[in-house]
Amino acid sequence: MVTDPDIREKLAQLTISGRIIREAPVSIAVFLDTTVSYHREKDIQSIGACIENMLLAAHCLGLGSVWLGEILKNADKVKEILDVPESYDFMALVAIGYPAREGKSERKPLKEVIFNWI
């Protein structure tokens, strides 16, 4: 969990989504410990499910959250900034905070997202 503003700023400089990292009071860096991983694909799927659960829990608490992926291109720099052991692979950064405004989404009609395959 990253709450230090100076460290968040260093992370923010590594991504086009830097504004989100700067403005959110907390970022959670998610890693895979390769020394205990026994099936990489399964572990990555589990990490994805874990992150989704974090996003849902944040929403239930009235918090906003963003799963940041573009920062992955700078995984080595993230590990250096956070002083993470070499055996850990950087998987994601999740920014969490109070939303500046209430978001509204629009759903597409089902016929636009469901297809019949014959």
Protein backbone atom coordinates (compact mmCIF):
# COMPACT_ATOMS: atom_id res chain seq x y z
CA MET A 1 0.00 0.00 0.00
CA VAL A 2 1.47 3.34 -1.06
CA THR A 3 0.35 6.44 0.84
CA ASP A 4 3.56 8.50 0.83
CA PRO A 5 3.00 11.48 -1.53
CA ASP A 6 6.64 11.48 -2.69
CA ILE A 7 6.52 7.82 -3.67
CA ARG A 8 3.11 8.27 -5.32
CA GLU A 9 4.61 11.13 -7.36
CA LYS A 10 7.48 8.91 -8.51
CA LEU A 11 4.97 6.26 -9.58
CA ALA A 12 2.79 8.89 -11.26
CA GLN A 13 5.70 9.88 -13.49
CA LEU A 14 5.80 6.35 -14.92
CA THR A 15 2.36 6.40 -16.55
CA ILE A 16 0.01 8.50 -18.64
CA SER A 17 -2.48 7.95 -15.80
CA GLY A 18 -0.25 9.85 -13.38
CA ARG A 19 -2.98 12.31 -12.42
CA ILE A 20 -5.02 9.47 -10.94
CA ILE A 21 -2.10 8.30 -8.79
CA ARG A 22 -1.37 11.86 -7.63
CA GLU A 23 -4.98 12.58 -6.65
CA ALA A 24 -5.84 9.26 -5.01
CA PRO A 25 -4.62 9.13 -1.40
CA VAL A 26 -3.83 5.40 -1.62
CA SER A 27 -2.42 3.14 -4.29
CA ILE A 28 -2.07 -0.60 -3.89
CA ALA A 29 0.76 -2.24 -5.80
CA VAL A 30 -0.03 -5.87 -6.61
CA PHE A 31 2.77 -8.40 -7.05
CA LEU A 32 3.16 -12.11 -7.77
CA ASP A 33 5.77 -13.88 -5.62
CA THR A 34 7.37 -16.22 -8.15
CA THR A 35 9.07 -18.25 -5.41
CA VAL A 36 5.72 -19.69 -4.29
CA SER A 37 3.92 -19.65 -7.64
CA TYR A 38 3.18 -23.16 -8.88
CA HIS A 39 1.03 -22.36 -11.93
CA ARG A 40 1.58 -18.90 -13.40
CA GLU A 41 -1.64 -18.70 -15.43
CA LYS A 42 -3.76 -19.77 -12.45
CA ASP A 43 -1.94 -17.31 -10.20
CA ILE A 44 -2.47 -14.44 -12.64
CA GLN A 45 -6.18 -15.30 -12.87
CA SER A 46 -6.36 -15.33 -9.07
CA ILE A 47 -4.69 -11.94 -8.91
CA GLY A 48 -7.23 -10.57 -11.39
CA ALA A 49 -10.09 -11.90 -9.27
CA CYS A 50 -8.50 -10.42 -6.15
CA ILE A 51 -8.17 -7.01 -7.79
CA GLU A 52 -11.78 -7.12 -8.97
CA ASN A 53 -12.86 -7.91 -5.40
CA MET A 54 -10.85 -4.91 -4.17
CA LEU A 55 -12.62 -2.69 -6.71
CA LEU A 56 -16.04 -4.02 -5.68
CA ALA A 57 -15.27 -3.60 -1.97
CA ALA A 58 -14.09 -0.03 -2.55
CA HIS A 59 -17.33 0.73 -4.41
CA CYS A 60 -19.40 -0.70 -1.54
CA LEU A 61 -17.58 1.66 0.82
CA GLY A 62 -18.38 4.66 -1.37
CA LEU A 63 -14.83 4.88 -2.69
CA GLY A 64 -13.63 5.27 -6.23
CA SER A 65 -11.00 2.90 -7.58
CA VAL A 66 -9.07 2.42 -10.79
CA TRP A 67 -7.14 -0.63 -11.97
CA LEU A 68 -4.11 0.84 -13.73
CA GLY A 69 -2.41 -1.33 -16.32
CA GLU A 70 -0.42 0.98 -18.57
CA ILE A 71 2.18 1.41 -15.80
CA LEU A 72 3.15 -2.26 -16.32
CA LYS A 73 5.51 -1.19 -19.11
CA ASN A 74 7.65 0.30 -16.33
CA ALA A 75 7.49 -2.69 -13.98
CA ASP A 76 11.23 -2.66 -13.25
CA LYS A 77 11.13 1.02 -12.27
CA VAL A 78 8.09 0.41 -10.02
CA LYS A 79 9.95 -2.43 -8.28
CA GLU A 80 12.97 -0.18 -7.81
CA ILE A 81 10.92 2.70 -6.36
CA LEU A 82 9.10 0.35 -3.97
CA ASP A 83 12.25 -1.68 -3.18
CA VAL A 84 10.59 -4.97 -4.11
CA PRO A 85 12.64 -8.20 -4.34
CA GLU A 86 13.59 -9.46 -7.80
CA SER A 87 11.47 -12.61 -7.32
CA TYR A 88 8.26 -10.55 -7.32
CA ASP A 89 6.54 -9.71 -10.62
CA PHE A 90 4.57 -6.46 -10.78
CA MET A 91 0.97 -7.22 -11.79
CA ALA A 92 -1.02 -3.99 -11.31
CA LEU A 93 -1.50 -0.74 -9.47
CA VAL A 94 -4.90 0.06 -7.97
CA ALA A 95 -5.63 3.68 -7.01
CA ILE A 96 -8.30 4.23 -4.35
CA GLY A 97 -9.91 7.43 -3.08
CA TYR A 98 -13.10 9.40 -2.82
CA PRO A 99 -14.53 10.26 -6.24
CA ALA A 100 -14.68 13.96 -7.12
CA ARG A 101 -18.15 13.44 -8.58
CA GLU A 102 -20.76 10.73 -8.84
CA GLY A 103 -20.09 8.66 -11.94
CA LYS A 104 -22.85 7.49 -14.23
CA SER A 105 -22.56 4.72 -16.77
CA GLU A 106 -24.82 3.74 -19.62
CA ARG A 107 -25.59 0.15 -20.47
CA LYS A 108 -25.71 -1.07 -24.02
CA PRO A 109 -28.77 -3.06 -25.04
CA LEU A 110 -28.21 -6.82 -24.67
CA LYS A 111 -28.56 -7.32 -28.43
CA GLU A 112 -25.38 -5.25 -28.86
CA VAL A 113 -23.27 -7.39 -26.53
CA ILE A 114 -24.68 -10.91 -26.90
CA PHE A 115 -24.19 -12.89 -30.07
CA ASN A 116 -25.66 -16.15 -31.33
CA TRP A 117 -23.20 -18.55 -32.87
CA ILE A 118 -24.66 -21.17 -35.17
